[in-house]
Amino acid sequence: MKKIPLLLLAGLFLPVAAQAAPNCTAEPKDKWLTEEAMKAKVATLGYERIKTFKTSGNCYEIYGYTKDGQKAEVYFNPVTGDVVKSSIGG
């Protein structure tokens, strides 16, 4: 059996770690904004044409567009509604 170099193995797992959801809150779900309240907050922040709204780990996550029409993937703190991490454009 051939041995796989450790560096190669590490390279296989790095992309998975980079894609992991951020740590948005440690608060229990009963402290979270309701999905309806969070969707309203997302709209006031200018995100539109939301294709996906989901719970990802301990975050709310959306895939949609900014008011300028750029693609957006955004993670929100589900207690405060603040943006924790975003990827705009691309």
C-alpha atoms as a PDB file:
ATOM      1  CA  MET A   1       0.000   0.000   0.000  1.00  0.00           C
ATOM      2  CA  LYS A   2       1.371   3.399  -0.948  1.00  0.00           C
ATOM      3  CA  LYS A   3       1.640   6.095   1.660  1.00  0.00           C
ATOM      4  CA  ILE A   4       0.003   9.410   0.868  1.00  0.00           C
ATOM      5  CA  PRO A   5       2.174  12.388   1.827  1.00  0.00           C
ATOM      6  CA  LEU A   6       0.859  14.240   4.862  1.00  0.00           C
ATOM      7  CA  LEU A   7       1.019  17.554   3.007  1.00  0.00           C
ATOM      8  CA  LEU A   8      -1.274  16.183   0.293  1.00  0.00           C
ATOM      9  CA  LEU A   9      -3.756  14.951   2.888  1.00  0.00           C
ATOM     10  CA  ALA A  10      -3.772  18.352   4.584  1.00  0.00           C
ATOM     11  CA  GLY A  11      -4.470  19.988   1.235  1.00  0.00           C
ATOM     12  CA  LEU A  12      -7.525  17.799   0.769  1.00  0.00           C
ATOM     13  CA  PHE A  13      -9.101  18.999   4.011  1.00  0.00           C
ATOM     14  CA  LEU A  14      -8.237  22.700   3.894  1.00  0.00           C
ATOM     15  CA  PRO A  15     -11.005  23.598   1.408  1.00  0.00           C
ATOM     16  CA  VAL A  16     -13.568  21.967   3.705  1.00  0.00           C
ATOM     17  CA  ALA A  17     -12.369  24.038   6.657  1.00  0.00           C
ATOM     18  CA  ALA A  18     -12.430  27.224   4.575  1.00  0.00           C
ATOM     19  CA  GLN A  19     -16.064  26.595   3.610  1.00  0.00           C
ATOM     20  CA  ALA A  20     -17.262  26.030   7.184  1.00  0.00           C
ATOM     21  CA  ALA A  21     -19.857  28.399   8.559  1.00  0.00           C
ATOM     22  CA  PRO A  22     -18.538  31.025  10.973  1.00  0.00           C
ATOM     23  CA  ASN A  23     -19.347  30.945  14.666  1.00  0.00           C
ATOM     24  CA  CYS A  24     -22.235  33.413  14.873  1.00  0.00           C
ATOM     25  CA  THR A  25     -23.573  32.930  18.402  1.00  0.00           C
ATOM     26  CA  ALA A  26     -23.487  30.704  21.447  1.00  0.00           C
ATOM     27  CA  GLU A  27     -27.024  31.696  22.430  1.00  0.00           C
ATOM     28  CA  PRO A  28     -29.711  28.990  22.473  1.00  0.00           C
ATOM     29  CA  LYS A  29     -32.244  28.939  19.627  1.00  0.00           C
ATOM     30  CA  ASP A  30     -35.014  30.291  21.863  1.00  0.00           C
ATOM     31  CA  LYS A  31     -33.068  33.606  21.919  1.00  0.00           C
ATOM     32  CA  TRP A  32     -32.834  33.775  18.106  1.00  0.00           C
ATOM     33  CA  LEU A  33     -34.908  36.097  15.955  1.00  0.00           C
ATOM     34  CA  THR A  34     -37.699  34.204  14.216  1.00  0.00           C
ATOM     35  CA  GLU A  35     -37.106  33.405  10.551  1.00  0.00           C
ATOM     36  CA  GLU A  36     -39.808  35.936   9.646  1.00  0.00           C
ATOM     37  CA  ALA A  37     -38.117  38.674  11.706  1.00  0.00           C
ATOM     38  CA  MET A  38     -34.719  37.804  10.226  1.00  0.00           C
ATOM     39  CA  LYS A  39     -36.100  37.848   6.676  1.00  0.00           C
ATOM     40  CA  ALA A  40     -37.505  41.326   7.360  1.00  0.00           C
ATOM     41  CA  LYS A  41     -34.119  42.468   8.729  1.00  0.00           C
ATOM     42  CA  VAL A  42     -32.345  41.042   5.650  1.00  0.00           C
ATOM     43  CA  ALA A  43     -34.676  43.081   3.428  1.00  0.00           C
ATOM     44  CA  THR A  44     -33.960  46.300   5.361  1.00  0.00           C
ATOM     45  CA  LEU A  45     -30.230  45.667   4.868  1.00  0.00           C
ATOM     46  CA  GLY A  46     -30.776  45.783   1.107  1.00  0.00           C
ATOM     47  CA  TYR A  47     -30.521  42.102   0.200  1.00  0.00           C
ATOM     48  CA  GLU A  48     -33.088  40.995  -2.352  1.00  0.00           C
ATOM     49  CA  ARG A  49     -34.058  38.128  -4.633  1.00  0.00           C
ATOM     50  CA  ILE A  50     -33.126  35.714  -1.863  1.00  0.00           C
ATOM     51  CA  LYS A  51     -32.719  32.275  -3.428  1.00  0.00           C
ATOM     52  CA  THR A  52     -31.880  30.459  -0.188  1.00  0.00           C
ATOM     53  CA  PHE A  53     -32.547  31.308   3.451  1.00  0.00           C
ATOM     54  CA  LYS A  54     -31.376  28.651   5.883  1.00  0.00           C
ATOM     55  CA  THR A  55     -29.926  27.897   9.270  1.00  0.00           C
ATOM     56  CA  SER A  56     -26.263  26.986   8.918  1.00  0.00           C
ATOM     57  CA  GLY A  57     -24.682  25.831  12.161  1.00  0.00           C
ATOM     58  CA  ASN A  58     -25.376  28.638  14.621  1.00  0.00           C
ATOM     59  CA  CYS A  59     -26.048  31.262  11.911  1.00  0.00           C
ATOM     60  CA  TYR A  60     -28.749  32.345   9.543  1.00  0.00           C
ATOM     61  CA  GLU A  61     -27.387  32.204   5.994  1.00  0.00           C
ATOM     62  CA  ILE A  62     -28.712  33.660   2.745  1.00  0.00           C
ATOM     63  CA  TYR A  63     -27.864  33.403  -0.912  1.00  0.00           C
ATOM     64  CA  GLY A  64     -29.275  36.282  -2.919  1.00  0.00           C
ATOM     65  CA  TYR A  65     -28.314  39.653  -4.353  1.00  0.00           C
ATOM     66  CA  THR A  66     -27.337  43.084  -3.082  1.00  0.00           C
ATOM     67  CA  LYS A  67     -29.369  46.126  -4.088  1.00  0.00           C
ATOM     68  CA  ASP A  68     -26.654  46.693  -6.737  1.00  0.00           C
ATOM     69  CA  GLY A  69     -27.367  43.282  -8.276  1.00  0.00           C
ATOM     70  CA  GLN A  70     -24.218  41.518  -7.039  1.00  0.00           C
ATOM     71  CA  LYS A  71     -24.429  37.908  -5.841  1.00  0.00           C
ATOM     72  CA  ALA A  72     -24.281  37.633  -2.066  1.00  0.00           C
ATOM     73  CA  GLU A  73     -23.653  34.844   0.416  1.00  0.00           C
ATOM     74  CA  VAL A  74     -24.122  36.251   3.904  1.00  0.00           C
ATOM     75  CA  TYR A  75     -24.021  34.777   7.412  1.00  0.00           C
ATOM     76  CA  PHE A  76     -25.933  36.597  10.138  1.00  0.00           C
ATOM     77  CA  ASN A  77     -25.891  36.486  13.921  1.00  0.00           C
ATOM     78  CA  PRO A  78     -29.370  35.038  14.561  1.00  0.00           C
ATOM     79  CA  VAL A  79     -29.792  36.942  17.836  1.00  0.00           C
ATOM     80  CA  THR A  80     -28.867  40.457  16.690  1.00  0.00           C
ATOM     81  CA  GLY A  81     -29.246  40.158  12.902  1.00  0.00           C
ATOM     82  CA  ASP A  82     -25.737  41.569  12.405  1.00  0.00           C
ATOM     83  CA  VAL A  83     -23.639  40.419   9.438  1.00  0.00           C
ATOM     84  CA  VAL A  84     -20.900  38.047  10.642  1.00  0.00           C
ATOM     85  CA  LYS A  85     -19.398  37.072   7.283  1.00  0.00           C
ATOM     86  CA  SER A  86     -20.222  37.933   3.675  1.00  0.00           C
ATOM     87  CA  SER A  87     -19.056  37.141   0.212  1.00  0.00           C
ATOM     88  CA  ILE A  88     -20.234  39.677  -2.370  1.00  0.00           C
ATOM     89  CA  GLY A  89     -19.756  39.370  -6.131  1.00  0.00           C
ATOM     90  CA  GLY A  90     -18.050  36.629  -8.003  1.00  0.00           C
END
